[in-house]
């Protein structure tokens, strides 16, 4: 089992990460990837700034990835999450899971995404034509955790 967690400011190359993930793992029958991007729902977003505490964030993401590995039969797990200033359409994060069976890969990826959205120690601030505001937790994101 290989777990790789990366917290970085610079953009990542999704194609290269996806291509390299689980490369050569002929024992894995399923690879699931997900990429989150900055969205501009109102049409007025200029930037999103993501802040974090480096040591705390790395440990929290590693814990979430280790919990996924313990719950599902996974061969590999990848979590990449960016911080800093980003514009609409830029990639924020990526999750990838590999398993012998697709059900395990899909469920583990969803679990990771739900926990990253609601429990990872990141703080998001949006700036645009309407000013600057911190992003608050949404009830539907919290509700998604109840299935785990």
N, C-alpha and C. Protein backbone atom coordinates (compact mmCIF):
# COMPACT_ATOMS: atom_id res chain seq x y z
N UNK A 1 0.85 -1.19 0.00
CA UNK A 1 0.00 0.00 0.00
C UNK A 1 0.88 1.23 0.00
N UNK A 2 0.59 2.15 -0.88
CA UNK A 2 1.32 3.41 -0.96
C UNK A 2 0.35 4.57 -0.78
N UNK A 3 0.68 5.45 0.14
CA UNK A 3 -0.10 6.67 0.36
C UNK A 3 0.82 7.84 0.08
N UNK A 4 0.35 8.75 -0.76
CA UNK A 4 1.11 9.97 -1.05
C UNK A 4 0.20 11.16 -0.82
N UNK A 5 0.61 12.07 0.05
CA UNK A 5 -0.14 13.28 0.36
C UNK A 5 0.78 14.46 0.09
N UNK A 6 0.28 15.40 -0.71
CA UNK A 6 1.06 16.57 -1.09
C UNK A 6 0.23 17.82 -0.83
N UNK A 7 0.80 18.77 -0.10
CA UNK A 7 0.17 20.07 0.12
C UNK A 7 1.14 21.08 -0.47
N UNK A 8 0.69 21.81 -1.49
CA UNK A 8 1.61 22.69 -2.22
C UNK A 8 0.90 23.95 -2.70
N UNK A 9 1.69 24.97 -2.97
CA UNK A 9 1.15 26.22 -3.48
C UNK A 9 1.05 26.21 -4.99
N UNK A 10 2.02 25.63 -5.66
CA UNK A 10 2.06 25.69 -7.11
C UNK A 10 1.03 24.75 -7.76
N UNK A 11 0.62 25.08 -8.99
CA UNK A 11 -0.31 24.21 -9.71
C UNK A 11 0.30 22.82 -9.94
N UNK A 12 -0.55 21.83 -10.07
CA UNK A 12 -0.08 20.48 -10.38
C UNK A 12 -0.58 20.09 -11.76
N UNK A 13 0.13 19.17 -12.37
CA UNK A 13 -0.21 18.67 -13.71
C UNK A 13 -1.09 17.44 -13.54
N UNK A 14 -2.39 17.63 -13.72
CA UNK A 14 -3.32 16.52 -13.51
C UNK A 14 -2.99 15.33 -14.42
N UNK A 15 -2.70 15.60 -15.68
CA UNK A 15 -2.40 14.51 -16.61
C UNK A 15 -1.21 13.70 -16.17
N UNK A 16 -0.15 14.36 -15.77
CA UNK A 16 1.05 13.65 -15.32
C UNK A 16 0.79 12.88 -14.04
N UNK A 17 0.05 13.49 -13.12
CA UNK A 17 -0.27 12.80 -11.86
C UNK A 17 -1.14 11.58 -12.11
N UNK A 18 -2.15 11.73 -12.95
CA UNK A 18 -3.05 10.61 -13.24
C UNK A 18 -2.32 9.50 -13.97
N UNK A 19 -1.48 9.87 -14.92
CA UNK A 19 -0.73 8.88 -15.69
C UNK A 19 0.26 8.11 -14.81
N UNK A 20 0.89 8.81 -13.88
CA UNK A 20 1.88 8.17 -13.02
C UNK A 20 1.30 7.41 -11.86
N UNK A 21 0.06 7.73 -11.49
CA UNK A 21 -0.57 7.08 -10.34
C UNK A 21 -0.80 5.60 -10.63
N UNK A 22 -0.37 4.76 -9.75
CA UNK A 22 -0.53 3.31 -9.84
C UNK A 22 0.09 2.72 -11.11
N UNK A 23 1.01 3.46 -11.71
CA UNK A 23 1.67 2.96 -12.93
C UNK A 23 2.39 1.64 -12.62
N UNK A 24 2.19 0.68 -13.47
CA UNK A 24 2.82 -0.62 -13.30
C UNK A 24 2.12 -1.54 -12.33
N UNK A 25 1.05 -1.09 -11.71
CA UNK A 25 0.32 -1.91 -10.74
C UNK A 25 -0.67 -2.80 -11.48
N UNK A 26 -0.22 -3.89 -12.01
CA UNK A 26 -1.08 -4.79 -12.77
C UNK A 26 -2.04 -5.57 -11.87
N UNK A 27 -1.86 -5.45 -10.56
CA UNK A 27 -2.77 -6.11 -9.62
C UNK A 27 -3.99 -5.24 -9.30
N UNK A 28 -4.02 -4.02 -9.79
CA UNK A 28 -5.13 -3.11 -9.55
C UNK A 28 -6.06 -3.11 -10.76
N UNK A 29 -7.36 -3.28 -10.52
CA UNK A 29 -8.33 -3.32 -11.60
C UNK A 29 -9.10 -2.03 -11.78
N UNK A 30 -8.92 -1.08 -10.86
CA UNK A 30 -9.67 0.17 -10.94
C UNK A 30 -8.83 1.33 -10.41
N UNK A 31 -8.87 2.42 -11.14
CA UNK A 31 -8.27 3.68 -10.70
C UNK A 31 -9.33 4.76 -10.83
N UNK A 32 -9.58 5.47 -9.74
CA UNK A 32 -10.56 6.56 -9.73
C UNK A 32 -9.82 7.85 -9.42
N UNK A 33 -10.12 8.89 -10.20
CA UNK A 33 -9.54 10.21 -9.94
C UNK A 33 -10.64 11.25 -9.85
N UNK A 34 -10.37 12.27 -9.07
CA UNK A 34 -11.28 13.41 -8.95
C UNK A 34 -10.42 14.66 -8.81
N UNK A 35 -10.83 15.71 -9.48
CA UNK A 35 -10.14 16.98 -9.36
C UNK A 35 -11.16 18.07 -9.04
N UNK A 36 -10.90 18.84 -7.99
CA UNK A 36 -11.73 19.97 -7.63
C UNK A 36 -11.13 21.24 -8.21
N UNK A 37 -12.00 22.11 -8.74
CA UNK A 37 -11.55 23.37 -9.33
C UNK A 37 -12.27 24.54 -8.68
N UNK A 38 -11.65 25.71 -8.76
CA UNK A 38 -12.27 26.93 -8.25
C UNK A 38 -13.46 27.25 -9.15
N UNK A 39 -14.63 27.38 -8.56
CA UNK A 39 -15.81 27.70 -9.36
C UNK A 39 -16.30 29.11 -9.05
N UNK A 40 -16.86 29.71 -10.06
CA UNK A 40 -17.37 31.07 -9.95
C UNK A 40 -18.88 31.01 -10.15
N UNK A 41 -19.60 30.72 -9.08
CA UNK A 41 -21.04 30.53 -9.15
C UNK A 41 -21.76 31.82 -9.51
N UNK A 42 -21.33 32.94 -8.93
CA UNK A 42 -22.03 34.21 -9.14
C UNK A 42 -21.56 34.97 -10.37
N UNK A 43 -20.44 34.56 -10.96
CA UNK A 43 -19.89 35.27 -12.11
C UNK A 43 -19.10 36.50 -11.72
N UNK A 44 -18.82 36.66 -10.42
CA UNK A 44 -18.10 37.86 -9.96
C UNK A 44 -16.81 37.52 -9.21
N UNK A 45 -16.46 36.25 -9.12
CA UNK A 45 -15.28 35.85 -8.36
C UNK A 45 -14.00 36.22 -9.10
N UNK A 46 -13.11 36.89 -8.41
CA UNK A 46 -11.80 37.21 -8.99
C UNK A 46 -10.77 36.18 -8.53
N UNK A 47 -10.72 35.92 -7.21
CA UNK A 47 -9.76 34.95 -6.67
C UNK A 47 -10.35 34.23 -5.46
N UNK A 48 -9.78 33.06 -5.21
CA UNK A 48 -10.02 32.34 -3.96
C UNK A 48 -8.65 32.15 -3.33
N UNK A 49 -8.57 32.46 -2.05
CA UNK A 49 -7.31 32.26 -1.34
C UNK A 49 -7.53 31.19 -0.28
N UNK A 50 -6.67 30.19 -0.29
CA UNK A 50 -6.77 29.10 0.66
C UNK A 50 -5.59 29.19 1.62
N UNK A 51 -5.91 29.20 2.92
CA UNK A 51 -4.89 29.27 3.95
C UNK A 51 -4.89 27.96 4.73
N UNK A 52 -3.75 27.67 5.38
CA UNK A 52 -3.65 26.46 6.20
C UNK A 52 -2.46 26.58 7.15
N UNK A 53 -2.41 25.65 8.11
CA UNK A 53 -1.26 25.51 8.99
C UNK A 53 -0.48 24.29 8.48
N UNK A 54 0.72 24.50 7.93
CA UNK A 54 1.44 23.43 7.23
C UNK A 54 1.54 22.09 7.97
N UNK A 55 2.09 22.04 9.17
CA UNK A 55 2.24 20.77 9.86
C UNK A 55 0.92 20.10 10.17
N UNK A 56 -0.04 20.89 10.62
CA UNK A 56 -1.35 20.38 10.96
C UNK A 56 -2.06 19.82 9.73
N UNK A 57 -1.99 20.53 8.63
CA UNK A 57 -2.69 20.12 7.41
C UNK A 57 -2.13 18.80 6.89
N UNK A 58 -0.83 18.70 6.79
CA UNK A 58 -0.19 17.48 6.28
C UNK A 58 -0.62 16.27 7.12
N UNK A 59 -0.56 16.40 8.44
CA UNK A 59 -0.92 15.30 9.34
C UNK A 59 -2.39 14.93 9.19
N UNK A 60 -3.26 15.93 9.08
CA UNK A 60 -4.69 15.66 8.95
C UNK A 60 -5.01 14.92 7.65
N UNK A 61 -4.38 15.33 6.55
CA UNK A 61 -4.63 14.66 5.27
C UNK A 61 -4.06 13.25 5.27
N UNK A 62 -2.90 13.06 5.88
CA UNK A 62 -2.34 11.72 5.99
C UNK A 62 -3.24 10.81 6.81
N UNK A 63 -3.83 11.36 7.87
CA UNK A 63 -4.76 10.57 8.71
C UNK A 63 -6.00 10.16 7.92
N UNK A 64 -6.55 11.08 7.16
CA UNK A 64 -7.73 10.77 6.34
C UNK A 64 -7.40 9.68 5.32
N UNK A 65 -6.25 9.80 4.68
CA UNK A 65 -5.83 8.81 3.67
C UNK A 65 -5.59 7.45 4.32
N UNK A 66 -5.01 7.43 5.50
CA UNK A 66 -4.76 6.17 6.22
C UNK A 66 -6.08 5.53 6.64
N UNK A 67 -7.05 6.35 7.04
CA UNK A 67 -8.36 5.81 7.39
C UNK A 67 -9.04 5.19 6.18
N UNK A 68 -8.91 5.81 5.01
CA UNK A 68 -9.48 5.23 3.79
C UNK A 68 -8.83 3.89 3.49
N UNK A 69 -7.53 3.83 3.64
CA UNK A 69 -6.79 2.58 3.37
C UNK A 69 -7.24 1.48 4.32
N UNK A 70 -7.56 1.83 5.55
CA UNK A 70 -8.00 0.84 6.53
C UNK A 70 -9.42 0.34 6.24
N UNK A 71 -10.24 1.17 5.62
CA UNK A 71 -11.64 0.80 5.38
C UNK A 71 -11.86 0.05 4.08
N UNK A 72 -11.05 0.31 3.07
CA UNK A 72 -11.23 -0.31 1.76
C UNK A 72 -9.96 -1.02 1.33
N UNK A 73 -10.12 -1.98 0.45
CA UNK A 73 -8.98 -2.73 -0.09
C UNK A 73 -8.33 -1.89 -1.20
N UNK A 74 -7.37 -1.06 -0.82
CA UNK A 74 -6.73 -0.15 -1.75
C UNK A 74 -5.27 -0.53 -1.96
N UNK A 75 -4.80 -0.28 -3.16
CA UNK A 75 -3.39 -0.49 -3.46
C UNK A 75 -2.61 0.80 -3.36
N UNK A 76 -3.26 1.92 -3.70
CA UNK A 76 -2.61 3.22 -3.63
C UNK A 76 -3.64 4.32 -3.38
N UNK A 77 -3.16 5.40 -2.74
CA UNK A 77 -3.97 6.58 -2.47
C UNK A 77 -3.11 7.80 -2.74
N UNK A 78 -3.69 8.78 -3.42
CA UNK A 78 -3.02 10.05 -3.67
C UNK A 78 -3.96 11.18 -3.29
N UNK A 79 -3.44 12.14 -2.53
CA UNK A 79 -4.18 13.37 -2.21
C UNK A 79 -3.23 14.53 -2.48
N UNK A 80 -3.65 15.43 -3.35
CA UNK A 80 -2.91 16.67 -3.60
C UNK A 80 -3.87 17.81 -3.28
N UNK A 81 -3.41 18.77 -2.48
CA UNK A 81 -4.25 19.93 -2.17
C UNK A 81 -3.38 21.17 -2.23
N UNK A 82 -3.88 22.18 -2.93
CA UNK A 82 -3.16 23.44 -3.04
C UNK A 82 -3.60 24.44 -1.99
N UNK A 83 -2.75 25.42 -1.77
CA UNK A 83 -3.08 26.58 -0.96
C UNK A 83 -2.57 27.81 -1.69
N UNK A 84 -2.96 28.98 -1.21
CA UNK A 84 -2.55 30.22 -1.85
C UNK A 84 -3.68 30.81 -2.67
N UNK A 85 -3.33 31.74 -3.55
CA UNK A 85 -4.32 32.46 -4.36
C UNK A 85 -4.52 31.75 -5.70
N UNK A 86 -5.81 31.54 -6.05
CA UNK A 86 -6.16 30.87 -7.30
C UNK A 86 -7.33 31.59 -7.95
N UNK A 87 -7.41 31.48 -9.26
CA UNK A 87 -8.50 32.07 -10.00
C UNK A 87 -9.52 31.03 -10.43
N UNK A 88 -10.68 31.49 -10.90
CA UNK A 88 -11.71 30.56 -11.37
C UNK A 88 -11.15 29.60 -12.42
N UNK A 89 -11.52 28.34 -12.29
CA UNK A 89 -11.08 27.32 -13.22
C UNK A 89 -9.78 26.64 -12.85
N UNK A 90 -9.03 27.18 -11.90
CA UNK A 90 -7.77 26.55 -11.50
C UNK A 90 -8.05 25.34 -10.62
N UNK A 91 -7.18 24.35 -10.73
CA UNK A 91 -7.31 23.14 -9.91
C UNK A 91 -6.92 23.43 -8.47
N UNK A 92 -7.77 22.98 -7.55
CA UNK A 92 -7.50 23.12 -6.12
C UNK A 92 -6.90 21.83 -5.57
N UNK A 93 -7.51 20.71 -5.93
CA UNK A 93 -7.11 19.44 -5.32
C UNK A 93 -7.36 18.28 -6.26
N UNK A 94 -6.73 17.16 -5.90
CA UNK A 94 -6.90 15.92 -6.65
C UNK A 94 -6.88 14.76 -5.65
N UNK A 95 -7.75 13.81 -5.89
CA UNK A 95 -7.77 12.55 -5.14
C UNK A 95 -7.69 11.44 -6.16
N UNK A 96 -6.90 10.42 -5.87
CA UNK A 96 -6.86 9.23 -6.72
C UNK A 96 -6.78 8.00 -5.80
N UNK A 97 -7.52 6.98 -6.17
CA UNK A 97 -7.50 5.72 -5.44
C UNK A 97 -7.36 4.58 -6.44
N UNK A 98 -6.65 3.53 -6.03
CA UNK A 98 -6.50 2.33 -6.86
C UNK A 98 -6.86 1.13 -6.01
N UNK A 99 -7.62 0.22 -6.62
CA UNK A 99 -8.06 -0.98 -5.92
C UNK A 99 -8.23 -2.11 -6.92
N UNK A 100 -8.34 -3.30 -6.39
CA UNK A 100 -8.61 -4.46 -7.25
C UNK A 100 -10.02 -4.38 -7.83
N UNK A 101 -10.91 -3.70 -7.10
CA UNK A 101 -12.31 -3.65 -7.49
C UNK A 101 -12.80 -2.20 -7.53
N UNK A 102 -13.62 -1.88 -8.52
CA UNK A 102 -14.05 -0.50 -8.71
C UNK A 102 -14.86 0.05 -7.54
N UNK A 103 -15.68 -0.77 -6.91
CA UNK A 103 -16.48 -0.30 -5.79
C UNK A 103 -15.63 0.28 -4.68
N UNK A 104 -14.55 -0.41 -4.34
CA UNK A 104 -13.65 0.08 -3.31
C UNK A 104 -12.99 1.38 -3.73
N UNK A 105 -12.56 1.47 -4.97
CA UNK A 105 -11.89 2.68 -5.46
C UNK A 105 -12.85 3.87 -5.45
N UNK A 106 -14.08 3.67 -5.93
CA UNK A 106 -15.05 4.77 -5.95
C UNK A 106 -15.44 5.21 -4.53
N UNK A 107 -15.75 4.25 -3.67
CA UNK A 107 -16.17 4.61 -2.31
C UNK A 107 -15.06 5.32 -1.55
N UNK A 108 -13.85 4.83 -1.67
CA UNK A 108 -12.72 5.46 -0.97
C UNK A 108 -12.49 6.87 -1.49
N UNK A 109 -12.61 7.07 -2.80
CA UNK A 109 -12.43 8.41 -3.36
C UNK A 109 -13.52 9.36 -2.85
N UNK A 110 -14.75 8.88 -2.80
CA UNK A 110 -15.84 9.72 -2.28
C UNK A 110 -15.63 10.06 -0.81
N UNK A 111 -15.20 9.08 -0.04
CA UNK A 111 -14.90 9.30 1.37
C UNK A 111 -13.83 10.39 1.53
N UNK A 112 -12.76 10.27 0.78
CA UNK A 112 -11.69 11.26 0.84
C UNK A 112 -12.19 12.65 0.45
N UNK A 113 -12.97 12.73 -0.61
CA UNK A 113 -13.50 14.03 -1.06
C UNK A 113 -14.41 14.64 0.00
N UNK A 114 -15.30 13.83 0.58
CA UNK A 114 -16.21 14.35 1.61
C UNK A 114 -15.44 14.88 2.82
N UNK A 115 -14.43 14.14 3.25
CA UNK A 115 -13.67 14.58 4.41
C UNK A 115 -12.77 15.77 4.09
N UNK A 116 -12.22 15.83 2.90
CA UNK A 116 -11.43 16.99 2.52
C UNK A 116 -12.29 18.24 2.48
N UNK A 117 -13.49 18.11 1.99
CA UNK A 117 -14.41 19.26 1.87
C UNK A 117 -14.83 19.78 3.24
N UNK A 118 -15.03 18.88 4.20
CA UNK A 118 -15.63 19.28 5.47
C UNK A 118 -14.68 19.31 6.67
N UNK A 119 -13.63 18.52 6.64
CA UNK A 119 -12.81 18.38 7.85
C UNK A 119 -11.34 18.78 7.68
N UNK A 120 -10.86 18.89 6.48
CA UNK A 120 -9.46 19.26 6.29
C UNK A 120 -9.25 20.69 6.77
N UNK A 121 -8.14 20.95 7.45
CA UNK A 121 -7.91 22.29 8.02
C UNK A 121 -7.42 23.31 6.99
N UNK A 122 -8.34 23.68 6.11
CA UNK A 122 -8.10 24.75 5.13
C UNK A 122 -9.17 25.82 5.36
N UNK A 123 -8.79 27.07 5.11
CA UNK A 123 -9.72 28.18 5.22
C UNK A 123 -9.72 28.91 3.89
N UNK A 124 -10.92 29.12 3.34
CA UNK A 124 -11.05 29.71 2.01
C UNK A 124 -11.66 31.11 2.10
N UNK A 125 -11.04 32.02 1.36
CA UNK A 125 -11.53 33.39 1.29
C UNK A 125 -11.73 33.75 -0.17
N UNK A 126 -12.93 34.22 -0.50
CA UNK A 126 -13.24 34.61 -1.88
C UNK A 126 -13.22 36.13 -2.01
N UNK A 127 -12.65 36.60 -3.11
CA UNK A 127 -12.61 38.03 -3.41
C UNK A 127 -13.16 38.27 -4.80
N UNK A 128 -13.97 39.31 -4.92
CA UNK A 128 -14.54 39.63 -6.22
C UNK A 128 -15.23 40.98 -6.19
N UNK A 129 -16.10 41.17 -7.16
CA UNK A 129 -16.80 42.44 -7.32
C UNK A 129 -17.64 42.79 -6.10
N UNK A 130 -18.09 41.79 -5.36
CA UNK A 130 -18.95 42.01 -4.19
C UNK A 130 -18.16 42.13 -2.89
N UNK A 131 -16.83 42.16 -2.99
CA UNK A 131 -15.99 42.28 -1.80
C UNK A 131 -15.29 40.97 -1.48
N UNK A 132 -14.86 40.85 -0.24
CA UNK A 132 -14.12 39.68 0.24
C UNK A 132 -14.87 39.04 1.38
N UNK A 133 -14.96 37.70 1.35
CA UNK A 133 -15.63 36.99 2.44
C UNK A 133 -15.05 35.59 2.61
N UNK A 134 -15.10 35.11 3.84
CA UNK A 134 -14.66 33.76 4.15
C UNK A 134 -15.77 32.79 3.74
N UNK A 135 -15.39 31.65 3.20
CA UNK A 135 -16.35 30.62 2.81
C UNK A 135 -16.73 29.84 4.05
N UNK A 136 -18.03 29.70 4.28
CA UNK A 136 -18.52 28.96 5.44
C UNK A 136 -18.92 27.55 5.03
N UNK A 137 -18.97 26.67 6.02
CA UNK A 137 -19.37 25.29 5.77
C UNK A 137 -20.82 25.24 5.32
N UNK A 138 -21.12 24.29 4.45
CA UNK A 138 -22.48 24.11 3.95
C UNK A 138 -23.10 22.88 4.60
N UNK A 139 -24.39 22.95 4.87
CA UNK A 139 -25.09 21.83 5.50
C UNK A 139 -24.97 20.56 4.67
N UNK A 140 -25.07 20.68 3.34
CA UNK A 140 -25.00 19.47 2.50
C UNK A 140 -23.63 18.80 2.57
N UNK A 141 -22.57 19.59 2.79
CA UNK A 141 -21.24 18.99 2.94
C UNK A 141 -21.16 18.22 4.25
N UNK A 142 -21.72 18.77 5.30
CA UNK A 142 -21.75 18.08 6.60
C UNK A 142 -22.62 16.82 6.52
N UNK A 143 -23.76 16.93 5.81
CA UNK A 143 -24.66 15.78 5.67
C UNK A 143 -23.98 14.63 4.93
N UNK A 144 -23.11 14.96 3.98
CA UNK A 144 -22.42 13.93 3.21
C UNK A 144 -21.55 13.04 4.11
N UNK A 145 -21.07 13.60 5.20
CA UNK A 145 -20.24 12.82 6.12
C UNK A 145 -21.03 11.74 6.86
N UNK A 146 -22.33 11.93 7.00
CA UNK A 146 -23.13 10.99 7.80
C UNK A 146 -23.17 9.59 7.20
N UNK A 147 -22.92 9.47 5.91
CA UNK A 147 -22.96 8.11 5.32
C UNK A 147 -21.71 7.30 5.64
N UNK A 148 -20.68 7.96 6.18
CA UNK A 148 -19.44 7.25 6.52
C UNK A 148 -19.40 6.94 8.00
